[in-house]
Amino acid sequence: MEAERVDLATRAIIIACVLIQLAVTLGGPAFEMAISMGGGLIPARIGGSLILDHAIPAPATLVSSIFLHGSWAHLGFNMLFLAWIGRFVEAVLGRWRYLLLFFVSGIAGGLVQVALDPGSPIPVVGASGAISGVFAAHAMIFGRSGGKGEFTRALQLAALWIGLQVATGLVLNTDGGGIAIGAHIGGFVAGLITALPLARAAIAKRLR
């Protein structure tokens, strides 16, 4: 019974992102811009150099920005990769540890992006940083061959994920300033740091 729902959190994230993108699209271009500015992660807002009226508190955008995407293509690309690897990581970590990993990675990615470009007024949106953390967790949990092999596997997945993101950004040429590399790197590092402790805790709980 439980095995049939091991990807519940992954599915919930995907559904939430799709519904939000649908609502934004139906609202029209003006609404889309308002949502992007109000809910997107704007580094200058976090640093306090930019103040926006009628927007959610700047710290909250570290989370809200994860669920916003620049286009349906952007959303589809991210959700495809999340569906691909998220279910495997969730099956090991369990629902709540998986969500912890996802949001810690997303927030860490956002903070790194802010640190790299603190004065930027361009909103950063997308789940890429959080998904980067899930990629790292997948590498650390399933790619363990011992010693340097584990880290090499992690680096290979990082290169694949970030490379595909950059390539997609170049092909689509979407508005908004390109790919937030800092968010990818920050999310991936956060995933590397938190994956194994969370996995060990999940396994220890099952052995009790």
N, C-alpha and C. Protein backbone atom coordinates (compact mmCIF):
# COMPACT_ATOMS: atom_id res chain seq x y z
N MET A 1 0.84 -1.21 0.00
CA MET A 1 0.00 0.00 0.00
C MET A 1 0.87 1.25 0.00
N GLU A 2 1.76 1.36 0.98
CA GLU A 2 2.61 2.53 1.07
C GLU A 2 3.54 2.64 -0.13
N ALA A 3 4.01 1.47 -0.64
CA ALA A 3 4.94 1.47 -1.77
C ALA A 3 4.33 2.11 -3.00
N GLU A 4 3.01 2.10 -3.09
CA GLU A 4 2.34 2.69 -4.24
C GLU A 4 2.37 4.21 -4.19
N ARG A 5 2.70 4.77 -3.03
CA ARG A 5 2.65 6.22 -2.88
C ARG A 5 4.01 6.80 -2.48
N VAL A 6 5.08 6.15 -2.87
CA VAL A 6 6.40 6.63 -2.46
C VAL A 6 6.76 7.94 -3.14
N ASP A 7 6.08 8.29 -4.22
CA ASP A 7 6.39 9.53 -4.92
C ASP A 7 5.33 10.60 -4.70
N LEU A 8 4.59 10.50 -3.60
CA LEU A 8 3.49 11.44 -3.36
C LEU A 8 3.99 12.88 -3.30
N ALA A 9 5.10 13.12 -2.61
CA ALA A 9 5.61 14.48 -2.49
C ALA A 9 6.08 15.01 -3.84
N THR A 10 6.74 14.15 -4.61
CA THR A 10 7.19 14.55 -5.94
C THR A 10 5.99 14.93 -6.80
N ARG A 11 4.96 14.12 -6.76
CA ARG A 11 3.75 14.41 -7.55
C ARG A 11 3.10 15.71 -7.08
N ALA A 12 3.06 15.92 -5.76
CA ALA A 12 2.43 17.12 -5.22
C ALA A 12 3.16 18.38 -5.69
N ILE A 13 4.49 18.33 -5.70
CA ILE A 13 5.27 19.48 -6.17
C ILE A 13 4.98 19.75 -7.64
N ILE A 14 4.96 18.70 -8.45
CA ILE A 14 4.71 18.86 -9.88
C ILE A 14 3.32 19.43 -10.12
N ILE A 15 2.32 18.90 -9.43
CA ILE A 15 0.95 19.38 -9.60
C ILE A 15 0.84 20.84 -9.19
N ALA A 16 1.47 21.20 -8.07
CA ALA A 16 1.42 22.58 -7.61
C ALA A 16 2.05 23.53 -8.63
N CYS A 17 3.20 23.14 -9.18
CA CYS A 17 3.87 23.99 -10.17
C CYS A 17 3.03 24.14 -11.44
N VAL A 18 2.40 23.05 -11.87
CA VAL A 18 1.57 23.10 -13.08
C VAL A 18 0.34 23.98 -12.85
N LEU A 19 -0.33 23.83 -11.71
CA LEU A 19 -1.51 24.62 -11.43
C LEU A 19 -1.17 26.11 -11.32
N ILE A 20 -0.05 26.42 -10.70
CA ILE A 20 0.37 27.81 -10.59
C ILE A 20 0.69 28.39 -11.97
N GLN A 21 1.39 27.63 -12.79
CA GLN A 21 1.70 28.10 -14.14
C GLN A 21 0.42 28.30 -14.96
N LEU A 22 -0.54 27.42 -14.79
CA LEU A 22 -1.81 27.55 -15.50
C LEU A 22 -2.53 28.82 -15.07
N ALA A 23 -2.57 29.07 -13.76
CA ALA A 23 -3.23 30.27 -13.26
C ALA A 23 -2.55 31.54 -13.77
N VAL A 24 -1.22 31.52 -13.78
CA VAL A 24 -0.46 32.67 -14.26
C VAL A 24 -0.73 32.90 -15.75
N THR A 25 -0.76 31.83 -16.52
CA THR A 25 -1.01 31.95 -17.96
C THR A 25 -2.41 32.49 -18.24
N LEU A 26 -3.40 31.99 -17.52
CA LEU A 26 -4.77 32.45 -17.72
C LEU A 26 -4.96 33.90 -17.29
N GLY A 27 -4.10 34.36 -16.39
CA GLY A 27 -4.21 35.74 -15.92
C GLY A 27 -3.73 36.77 -16.92
N GLY A 28 -2.99 36.33 -17.93
CA GLY A 28 -2.53 37.25 -18.96
C GLY A 28 -1.15 37.82 -18.65
N PRO A 29 -0.56 38.52 -19.65
CA PRO A 29 0.82 39.04 -19.52
C PRO A 29 1.02 39.98 -18.33
N ALA A 30 0.05 40.86 -18.07
CA ALA A 30 0.21 41.81 -16.96
C ALA A 30 0.22 41.08 -15.62
N PHE A 31 -0.67 40.11 -15.48
CA PHE A 31 -0.72 39.33 -14.26
C PHE A 31 0.55 38.51 -14.10
N GLU A 32 1.02 37.94 -15.20
CA GLU A 32 2.25 37.16 -15.17
C GLU A 32 3.43 38.00 -14.70
N MET A 33 3.51 39.23 -15.20
CA MET A 33 4.60 40.11 -14.78
C MET A 33 4.47 40.46 -13.30
N ALA A 34 3.24 40.71 -12.85
CA ALA A 34 3.03 41.06 -11.45
C ALA A 34 3.42 39.90 -10.53
N ILE A 35 3.07 38.69 -10.93
CA ILE A 35 3.41 37.51 -10.13
C ILE A 35 4.92 37.30 -10.10
N SER A 36 5.55 37.48 -11.26
CA SER A 36 7.01 37.29 -11.34
C SER A 36 7.74 38.30 -10.46
N MET A 37 7.30 39.54 -10.50
CA MET A 37 7.96 40.57 -9.69
C MET A 37 7.62 40.42 -8.21
N GLY A 38 6.39 40.02 -7.92
CA GLY A 38 5.98 39.93 -6.52
C GLY A 38 6.40 38.65 -5.84
N GLY A 39 6.46 37.54 -6.61
CA GLY A 39 6.79 36.26 -6.01
C GLY A 39 8.13 35.71 -6.40
N GLY A 40 8.75 36.30 -7.44
CA GLY A 40 10.07 35.86 -7.86
C GLY A 40 11.15 36.32 -6.90
N LEU A 41 12.27 35.63 -6.91
CA LEU A 41 13.40 35.99 -6.05
C LEU A 41 14.19 37.11 -6.72
N ILE A 42 14.10 38.31 -6.18
CA ILE A 42 14.85 39.45 -6.71
C ILE A 42 15.98 39.76 -5.73
N PRO A 43 17.22 39.50 -6.12
CA PRO A 43 18.34 39.71 -5.20
C PRO A 43 18.35 41.10 -4.56
N ALA A 44 18.03 42.13 -5.32
CA ALA A 44 18.04 43.49 -4.78
C ALA A 44 17.00 43.67 -3.68
N ARG A 45 15.91 42.93 -3.74
CA ARG A 45 14.91 42.98 -2.67
C ARG A 45 15.44 42.33 -1.41
N ILE A 46 16.11 41.19 -1.57
CA ILE A 46 16.67 40.50 -0.40
C ILE A 46 17.69 41.39 0.30
N GLY A 47 18.49 42.08 -0.49
CA GLY A 47 19.51 42.97 0.08
C GLY A 47 18.97 44.28 0.59
N GLY A 48 17.72 44.61 0.25
CA GLY A 48 17.09 45.83 0.76
C GLY A 48 17.27 47.05 -0.12
N SER A 49 17.95 46.91 -1.26
CA SER A 49 18.16 48.07 -2.13
C SER A 49 16.98 48.33 -3.05
N LEU A 50 16.03 47.39 -3.10
CA LEU A 50 14.83 47.57 -3.92
C LEU A 50 13.61 47.25 -3.07
N ILE A 51 12.67 48.20 -3.05
CA ILE A 51 11.44 48.03 -2.29
C ILE A 51 10.27 47.98 -3.27
N LEU A 52 9.44 46.96 -3.13
CA LEU A 52 8.26 46.82 -3.98
C LEU A 52 7.00 46.82 -3.13
N ASP A 53 6.01 47.61 -3.56
CA ASP A 53 4.72 47.60 -2.90
C ASP A 53 3.90 46.42 -3.41
N HIS A 54 2.98 45.95 -2.60
CA HIS A 54 2.04 44.89 -2.98
C HIS A 54 2.78 43.61 -3.38
N ALA A 55 3.86 43.32 -2.71
CA ALA A 55 4.60 42.08 -2.96
C ALA A 55 4.74 41.33 -1.65
N ILE A 56 4.90 40.02 -1.74
CA ILE A 56 5.08 39.25 -0.52
C ILE A 56 6.44 39.61 0.08
N PRO A 57 6.64 39.38 1.40
CA PRO A 57 7.93 39.72 2.02
C PRO A 57 9.09 39.10 1.26
N ALA A 58 10.16 39.85 1.12
CA ALA A 58 11.31 39.41 0.33
C ALA A 58 11.84 38.04 0.76
N PRO A 59 12.00 37.76 2.06
CA PRO A 59 12.52 36.43 2.44
C PRO A 59 11.63 35.29 1.97
N ALA A 60 10.32 35.53 1.91
CA ALA A 60 9.40 34.48 1.49
C ALA A 60 9.58 34.11 0.02
N THR A 61 10.17 35.01 -0.76
CA THR A 61 10.36 34.71 -2.18
C THR A 61 11.42 33.63 -2.40
N LEU A 62 12.21 33.33 -1.38
CA LEU A 62 13.15 32.21 -1.48
C LEU A 62 12.40 30.89 -1.67
N VAL A 63 11.15 30.85 -1.21
CA VAL A 63 10.31 29.67 -1.38
C VAL A 63 9.34 29.84 -2.54
N SER A 64 8.65 30.97 -2.59
CA SER A 64 7.64 31.17 -3.64
C SER A 64 8.24 31.09 -5.04
N SER A 65 9.47 31.56 -5.20
CA SER A 65 10.10 31.55 -6.52
C SER A 65 10.31 30.14 -7.06
N ILE A 66 10.39 29.16 -6.15
CA ILE A 66 10.60 27.77 -6.56
C ILE A 66 9.41 27.27 -7.39
N PHE A 67 8.22 27.77 -7.10
CA PHE A 67 7.01 27.29 -7.76
C PHE A 67 6.62 28.11 -8.99
N LEU A 68 7.39 29.14 -9.30
CA LEU A 68 7.12 29.96 -10.48
C LEU A 68 8.10 29.61 -11.59
N HIS A 69 7.65 29.67 -12.83
CA HIS A 69 8.52 29.37 -13.96
C HIS A 69 8.31 30.39 -15.08
N GLY A 70 9.35 30.57 -15.88
CA GLY A 70 9.32 31.61 -16.90
C GLY A 70 8.46 31.28 -18.10
N SER A 71 8.18 30.00 -18.32
CA SER A 71 7.39 29.57 -19.47
C SER A 71 6.97 28.12 -19.26
N TRP A 72 6.08 27.65 -20.13
CA TRP A 72 5.68 26.25 -20.06
C TRP A 72 6.85 25.33 -20.40
N ALA A 73 7.71 25.78 -21.32
CA ALA A 73 8.89 24.98 -21.67
C ALA A 73 9.83 24.85 -20.47
N HIS A 74 10.03 25.97 -19.77
CA HIS A 74 10.86 25.97 -18.57
C HIS A 74 10.28 25.02 -17.52
N LEU A 75 8.96 25.12 -17.31
CA LEU A 75 8.29 24.26 -16.35
C LEU A 75 8.42 22.79 -16.76
N GLY A 76 8.12 22.51 -18.04
CA GLY A 76 8.15 21.13 -18.51
C GLY A 76 9.51 20.49 -18.36
N PHE A 77 10.55 21.24 -18.68
CA PHE A 77 11.92 20.73 -18.56
C PHE A 77 12.23 20.38 -17.11
N ASN A 78 11.92 21.30 -16.21
CA ASN A 78 12.21 21.06 -14.79
C ASN A 78 11.41 19.89 -14.23
N MET A 79 10.11 19.85 -14.55
CA MET A 79 9.26 18.80 -13.98
C MET A 79 9.60 17.43 -14.56
N LEU A 80 10.06 17.39 -15.80
CA LEU A 80 10.48 16.12 -16.40
C LEU A 80 11.63 15.51 -15.61
N PHE A 81 12.61 16.34 -15.28
CA PHE A 81 13.76 15.84 -14.53
C PHE A 81 13.40 15.53 -13.08
N LEU A 82 12.51 16.32 -12.50
CA LEU A 82 12.08 16.03 -11.13
C LEU A 82 11.33 14.70 -11.08
N ALA A 83 10.44 14.47 -12.04
CA ALA A 83 9.70 13.20 -12.08
C ALA A 83 10.65 12.03 -12.29
N TRP A 84 11.70 12.26 -13.06
CA TRP A 84 12.66 11.19 -13.38
C TRP A 84 13.42 10.71 -12.16
N ILE A 85 13.97 11.65 -11.38
CA ILE A 85 14.83 11.25 -10.27
C ILE A 85 14.19 11.41 -8.90
N GLY A 86 13.18 12.28 -8.81
CA GLY A 86 12.60 12.56 -7.50
C GLY A 86 11.98 11.36 -6.83
N ARG A 87 11.31 10.53 -7.61
CA ARG A 87 10.63 9.36 -7.02
C ARG A 87 11.61 8.38 -6.39
N PHE A 88 12.81 8.26 -6.97
CA PHE A 88 13.80 7.34 -6.41
C PHE A 88 14.35 7.88 -5.09
N VAL A 89 14.63 9.18 -5.08
CA VAL A 89 15.16 9.79 -3.85
C VAL A 89 14.11 9.79 -2.75
N GLU A 90 12.86 10.09 -3.12
CA GLU A 90 11.78 10.10 -2.13
C GLU A 90 11.55 8.71 -1.54
N ALA A 91 11.71 7.68 -2.37
CA ALA A 91 11.51 6.30 -1.90
C ALA A 91 12.51 5.95 -0.80
N VAL A 92 13.72 6.52 -0.87
CA VAL A 92 14.75 6.24 0.14
C VAL A 92 14.58 7.14 1.36
N LEU A 93 14.40 8.42 1.12
CA LEU A 93 14.36 9.37 2.23
C LEU A 93 13.02 9.37 2.97
N GLY A 94 11.96 9.04 2.27
CA GLY A 94 10.63 9.23 2.84
C GLY A 94 10.14 10.63 2.51
N ARG A 95 8.84 10.79 2.64
CA ARG A 95 8.18 12.02 2.17
C ARG A 95 8.73 13.29 2.81
N TRP A 96 8.81 13.30 4.13
CA TRP A 96 9.14 14.55 4.82
C TRP A 96 10.63 14.90 4.71
N ARG A 97 11.49 13.92 4.77
CA ARG A 97 12.91 14.19 4.58
C ARG A 97 13.18 14.65 3.14
N TYR A 98 12.46 14.06 2.22
CA TYR A 98 12.58 14.46 0.82
C TYR A 98 12.18 15.92 0.64
N LEU A 99 11.06 16.31 1.25
CA LEU A 99 10.62 17.71 1.15
C LEU A 99 11.63 18.63 1.82
N LEU A 100 12.20 18.19 2.94
CA LEU A 100 13.23 18.99 3.61
C LEU A 100 14.42 19.20 2.67
N LEU A 101 14.87 18.12 2.04
CA LEU A 101 15.97 18.22 1.08
C LEU A 101 15.62 19.18 -0.05
N PHE A 102 14.43 19.05 -0.59
CA PHE A 102 14.00 19.87 -1.72
C PHE A 102 14.03 21.35 -1.37
N PHE A 103 13.43 21.71 -0.24
CA PHE A 103 13.33 23.12 0.11
C PHE A 103 14.66 23.68 0.62
N VAL A 104 15.43 22.90 1.35
CA VAL A 104 16.75 23.36 1.78
C VAL A 104 17.61 23.65 0.56
N SER A 105 17.57 22.77 -0.43
CA SER A 105 18.35 22.96 -1.65
C SER A 105 17.87 24.19 -2.42
N GLY A 106 16.56 24.35 -2.53
CA GLY A 106 16.02 25.50 -3.24
C GLY A 106 16.37 26.82 -2.57
N ILE A 107 16.25 26.87 -1.26
CA ILE A 107 16.58 28.09 -0.52
C ILE A 107 18.08 28.37 -0.59
N ALA A 108 18.89 27.33 -0.43
CA ALA A 108 20.34 27.51 -0.51
C ALA A 108 20.75 28.03 -1.89
N GLY A 109 20.13 27.47 -2.93
CA GLY A 109 20.42 27.95 -4.27
C GLY A 109 20.06 29.41 -4.45
N GLY A 110 18.92 29.81 -3.90
CA GLY A 110 18.52 31.21 -3.98
C GLY A 110 19.49 32.13 -3.25
N LEU A 111 19.95 31.71 -2.09
CA LEU A 111 20.88 32.53 -1.31
C LEU A 111 22.22 32.68 -2.03
N VAL A 112 22.68 31.61 -2.67
CA VAL A 112 23.93 31.71 -3.43
C VAL A 112 23.77 32.66 -4.61
N GLN A 113 22.62 32.59 -5.28
CA GLN A 113 22.37 33.50 -6.40
C GLN A 113 22.34 34.95 -5.93
N VAL A 114 21.75 35.19 -4.78
CA VAL A 114 21.73 36.55 -4.21
C VAL A 114 23.14 37.00 -3.88
N ALA A 115 23.94 36.12 -3.30
CA ALA A 115 25.31 36.47 -2.92
C ALA A 115 26.16 36.80 -4.14
N LEU A 116 25.91 36.10 -5.26
CA LEU A 116 26.70 36.34 -6.46
C LEU A 116 26.29 37.60 -7.21
N ASP A 117 25.03 37.97 -7.09
CA ASP A 117 24.54 39.15 -7.83
C ASP A 117 23.56 39.93 -6.96
N PRO A 118 24.05 40.50 -5.85
CA PRO A 118 23.15 41.09 -4.84
C PRO A 118 22.35 42.29 -5.31
N GLY A 119 22.81 42.99 -6.32
CA GLY A 119 22.11 44.19 -6.75
C GLY A 119 21.17 43.98 -7.91
N SER A 120 21.00 42.73 -8.35
CA SER A 120 20.19 42.46 -9.53
C SER A 120 18.71 42.73 -9.27
N PRO A 121 18.03 43.46 -10.19
CA PRO A 121 16.59 43.69 -10.07
C PRO A 121 15.78 42.66 -10.86
N ILE A 122 16.44 41.68 -11.44
CA ILE A 122 15.77 40.69 -12.29
C ILE A 122 15.27 39.54 -11.43
N PRO A 123 13.98 39.21 -11.51
CA PRO A 123 13.45 38.10 -10.72
C PRO A 123 13.98 36.75 -11.19
N VAL A 124 14.36 35.93 -10.24
CA VAL A 124 14.80 34.57 -10.51
C VAL A 124 13.66 33.63 -10.16
N VAL A 125 13.24 32.80 -11.10
CA VAL A 125 12.13 31.88 -10.85
C VAL A 125 12.52 30.48 -11.32
N GLY A 126 11.87 29.49 -10.73
CA GLY A 126 12.08 28.12 -11.15
C GLY A 126 12.55 27.23 -10.02
N ALA A 127 12.31 25.93 -10.20
CA ALA A 127 12.68 24.93 -9.20
C ALA A 127 14.06 24.34 -9.45
N SER A 128 14.84 24.96 -10.32
CA SER A 128 16.12 24.37 -10.72
C SER A 128 17.08 24.15 -9.56
N GLY A 129 17.17 25.11 -8.65
CA GLY A 129 18.07 24.94 -7.52
C GLY A 129 17.66 23.78 -6.64
N ALA A 130 16.34 23.67 -6.38
CA ALA A 130 15.84 22.57 -5.57
C ALA A 130 16.06 21.23 -6.26
N ILE A 131 15.83 21.19 -7.57
CA ILE A 131 16.01 19.95 -8.33
C ILE A 131 17.49 19.59 -8.40
N SER A 132 18.36 20.59 -8.43
CA SER A 132 19.80 20.32 -8.39
C SER A 132 20.16 19.56 -7.11
N GLY A 133 19.53 19.96 -6.00
CA GLY A 133 19.76 19.25 -4.75
C GLY A 133 19.27 17.81 -4.80
N VAL A 134 18.15 17.58 -5.47
CA VAL A 134 17.64 16.22 -5.63
C VAL A 134 18.59 15.41 -6.51
N PHE A 135 19.14 16.04 -7.55
CA PHE A 135 20.14 15.38 -8.38
C PHE A 135 21.34 14.95 -7.54
N ALA A 136 21.80 15.85 -6.69
CA ALA A 136 22.96 15.54 -5.84
C ALA A 136 22.63 14.39 -4.90
N ALA A 137 21.43 14.41 -4.34
CA ALA A 137 21.02 13.33 -3.43
C ALA A 137 20.98 12.00 -4.18
N HIS A 138 20.47 12.02 -5.38
CA HIS A 138 20.41 10.80 -6.19
C HIS A 138 21.83 10.24 -6.42
N ALA A 139 22.75 11.15 -6.73
CA ALA A 139 24.14 10.73 -6.96
C ALA A 139 24.76 10.15 -5.70
N MET A 140 24.54 10.79 -4.57
CA MET A 140 25.15 10.34 -3.33
C MET A 140 24.55 9.03 -2.83
N ILE A 141 23.25 8.84 -3.06
CA ILE A 141 22.58 7.65 -2.54
C ILE A 141 22.75 6.45 -3.47
N PHE A 142 22.56 6.69 -4.78
CA PHE A 142 22.54 5.58 -5.73
C PHE A 142 23.86 5.42 -6.49
N GLY A 143 24.69 6.44 -6.49
CA GLY A 143 25.93 6.36 -7.25
C GLY A 143 27.13 6.04 -6.40
N ARG A 144 26.90 5.47 -5.24
CA ARG A 144 28.00 5.19 -4.31
C ARG A 144 28.78 3.97 -4.76
N SER A 145 30.01 4.23 -5.18
CA SER A 145 30.90 3.12 -5.53
C SER A 145 32.13 3.13 -4.63
N GLY A 146 32.08 4.01 -3.64
CA GLY A 146 33.18 4.07 -2.68
C GLY A 146 34.24 5.07 -3.07
N GLY A 147 34.75 5.78 -2.08
CA GLY A 147 35.86 6.71 -2.31
C GLY A 147 35.53 7.78 -3.32
N LYS A 148 36.46 8.00 -4.25
CA LYS A 148 36.32 9.06 -5.22
C LYS A 148 35.22 8.79 -6.24
N GLY A 149 34.84 7.52 -6.40
CA GLY A 149 33.80 7.17 -7.36
C GLY A 149 32.49 7.87 -7.07
N GLU A 150 32.15 7.98 -5.80
CA GLU A 150 30.92 8.63 -5.39
C GLU A 150 30.93 10.10 -5.79
N PHE A 151 32.01 10.79 -5.51
CA PHE A 151 32.10 12.21 -5.82
C PHE A 151 32.15 12.43 -7.32
N THR A 152 32.83 11.55 -8.05
CA THR A 152 32.89 11.66 -9.50
C THR A 152 31.51 11.54 -10.11
N ARG A 153 30.73 10.61 -9.61
CA ARG A 153 29.36 10.43 -10.09
C ARG A 153 28.54 11.69 -9.84
N ALA A 154 28.73 12.29 -8.67
CA ALA A 154 28.01 13.52 -8.35
C ALA A 154 28.38 14.64 -9.31
N LEU A 155 29.67 14.77 -9.60
CA LEU A 155 30.11 15.81 -10.51
C LEU A 155 29.58 15.59 -11.93
N GLN A 156 29.50 14.34 -12.34
CA GLN A 156 28.97 14.04 -13.67
C GLN A 156 27.51 14.46 -13.79
N LEU A 157 26.74 14.16 -12.76
CA LEU A 157 25.33 14.55 -12.79
C LEU A 157 25.18 16.06 -12.72
N ALA A 158 26.06 16.72 -11.95
CA ALA A 158 26.02 18.18 -11.88
C ALA A 158 26.28 18.79 -13.25
N ALA A 159 27.30 18.27 -13.94
CA ALA A 159 27.63 18.78 -15.26
C ALA A 159 26.49 18.56 -16.24
N LEU A 160 25.87 17.38 -16.18
CA LEU A 160 24.74 17.07 -17.05
C LEU A 160 23.59 18.03 -16.82
N TRP A 161 23.20 18.18 -15.57
CA TRP A 161 22.05 19.02 -15.22
C TRP A 161 22.28 20.48 -15.58
N ILE A 162 23.41 21.03 -15.14
CA ILE A 162 23.67 22.44 -15.41
C ILE A 162 23.90 22.67 -16.90
N GLY A 163 24.59 21.73 -17.56
CA GLY A 163 24.80 21.87 -18.99
C GLY A 163 23.50 21.89 -19.77
N LEU A 164 22.58 21.00 -19.40
CA LEU A 164 21.28 20.98 -20.07
C LEU A 164 20.49 22.25 -19.80
N GLN A 165 20.60 22.78 -18.59
CA GLN A 165 19.91 24.02 -18.27
C GLN A 165 20.43 25.18 -19.12
N VAL A 166 21.74 25.28 -19.23
CA VAL A 166 22.34 26.35 -20.03
C VAL A 166 21.96 26.19 -21.49
N ALA A 167 22.02 24.97 -21.99
CA ALA A 167 21.67 24.72 -23.39
C ALA A 167 20.22 25.08 -23.67
N THR A 168 19.34 24.71 -22.75
CA THR A 168 17.93 25.02 -22.91
C THR A 168 17.70 26.52 -22.90
N GLY A 169 18.40 27.23 -22.00
CA GLY A 169 18.27 28.68 -21.95
C GLY A 169 18.71 29.34 -23.25
N LEU A 170 19.77 28.82 -23.85
CA LEU A 170 20.27 29.38 -25.11
C LEU A 170 19.31 29.11 -26.26
N VAL A 171 18.73 27.90 -26.27
CA VAL A 171 17.82 27.53 -27.36
C VAL A 171 16.52 28.31 -27.27
N LEU A 172 15.97 28.38 -26.04
CA LEU A 172 14.70 29.05 -25.87
C LEU A 172 14.82 30.56 -25.89
N ASN A 173 16.01 31.05 -25.47
CA ASN A 173 16.26 32.48 -25.41
C ASN A 173 15.13 33.21 -24.68
N THR A 174 14.73 32.68 -23.53
CA THR A 174 13.63 33.25 -22.78
C THR A 174 14.04 34.56 -22.14
N ASP A 175 13.03 35.41 -21.90
CA ASP A 175 13.29 36.68 -21.23
C ASP A 175 13.61 36.43 -19.77
N GLY A 176 14.36 37.34 -19.19
CA GLY A 176 14.61 37.27 -17.76
C GLY A 176 16.06 37.09 -17.40
N GLY A 177 16.96 37.21 -18.34
CA GLY A 177 18.35 37.27 -17.96
C GLY A 177 19.10 35.97 -18.00
N GLY A 178 18.49 34.89 -18.53
CA GLY A 178 19.26 33.66 -18.70
C GLY A 178 19.18 32.73 -17.51
N ILE A 179 20.20 31.90 -17.36
CA ILE A 179 20.21 30.84 -16.37
C ILE A 179 20.89 31.31 -15.08
N ALA A 180 20.23 31.03 -13.95
CA ALA A 180 20.79 31.39 -12.65
C ALA A 180 21.75 30.29 -12.20
N ILE A 181 22.99 30.36 -12.67
CA ILE A 181 23.97 29.32 -12.37
C ILE A 181 24.22 29.20 -10.87
N GLY A 182 24.24 30.33 -10.18
CA GLY A 182 24.47 30.31 -8.74
C GLY A 182 23.43 29.47 -8.01
N ALA A 183 22.17 29.54 -8.46
CA ALA A 183 21.11 28.76 -7.82
C ALA A 183 21.33 27.27 -8.05
N HIS A 184 21.80 26.90 -9.23
CA HIS A 184 22.08 25.50 -9.52
C HIS A 184 23.21 24.98 -8.64
N ILE A 185 24.29 25.74 -8.58
CA ILE A 185 25.45 25.32 -7.80
C ILE A 185 25.10 25.25 -6.32
N GLY A 186 24.45 26.28 -5.82
CA GLY A 186 24.08 26.30 -4.40
C GLY A 186 23.16 25.16 -4.02
N GLY A 187 22.17 24.89 -4.88
CA GLY A 187 21.25 23.79 -4.62
C GLY A 187 21.95 22.45 -4.65
N PHE A 188 22.86 22.29 -5.59
CA PHE A 188 23.57 21.02 -5.72
C PHE A 188 24.46 20.77 -4.50
N VAL A 189 25.19 21.79 -4.08
CA VAL A 189 26.05 21.64 -2.90
C VAL A 189 25.23 21.33 -1.66
N ALA A 190 24.09 22.01 -1.52
CA ALA A 190 23.22 21.74 -0.37
C ALA A 190 22.73 20.30 -0.40
N GLY A 191 22.41 19.80 -1.60
CA GLY A 191 21.99 18.41 -1.72
C GLY A 191 23.09 17.43 -1.35
N LEU A 192 24.32 17.75 -1.77
CA LEU A 192 25.46 16.90 -1.42
C LEU A 192 25.65 16.82 0.09
N ILE A 193 25.48 17.95 0.75
CA ILE A 193 25.73 18.02 2.20
C ILE A 193 24.64 17.30 2.99
N THR A 194 23.40 17.44 2.56
CA THR A 194 22.29 16.93 3.36
C THR A 194 21.82 15.53 2.99
N ALA A 195 22.16 15.05 1.80
CA ALA A 195 21.58 13.78 1.31
C ALA A 195 21.91 12.59 2.20
N LEU A 196 23.18 12.36 2.45
CA LEU A 196 23.56 11.15 3.19
C LEU A 196 23.08 11.16 4.65
N PRO A 197 23.19 12.29 5.38
CA PRO A 197 22.63 12.29 6.74
C PRO A 197 21.13 11.98 6.75
N LEU A 198 20.39 12.54 5.80
CA LEU A 198 18.96 12.27 5.74
C LEU A 198 18.70 10.80 5.38
N ALA A 199 19.50 10.26 4.47
CA ALA A 199 19.34 8.85 4.08
C ALA A 199 19.64 7.93 5.25
N ARG A 200 20.71 8.24 5.97
CA ARG A 200 21.07 7.39 7.12
C ARG A 200 19.97 7.43 8.18
N ALA A 201 19.41 8.62 8.40
CA ALA A 201 18.34 8.75 9.39
C ALA A 201 17.11 7.96 8.97
N ALA A 202 16.80 8.00 7.66
CA ALA A 202 15.63 7.26 7.16
C ALA A 202 15.84 5.76 7.30
N ILE A 203 17.04 5.28 6.98
CA ILE A 203 17.32 3.85 7.08
C ILE A 203 17.32 3.39 8.53
N ALA A 204 17.91 4.22 9.40
CA ALA A 204 17.94 3.87 10.83
C ALA A 204 16.54 3.75 11.39
N LYS A 205 15.64 4.61 10.95
CA LYS A 205 14.26 4.57 11.43
C LYS A 205 13.57 3.28 11.01
N ARG A 206 13.85 2.82 9.79
CA ARG A 206 13.23 1.59 9.30
C ARG A 206 13.77 0.36 10.02
N LEU A 207 15.00 0.45 10.55
CA LEU A 207 15.60 -0.70 11.22
C LEU A 207 15.20 -0.82 12.68
N ARG A 208 14.52 0.19 13.19
CA ARG A 208 14.13 0.13 14.59
C ARG A 208 13.04 -0.92 14.84
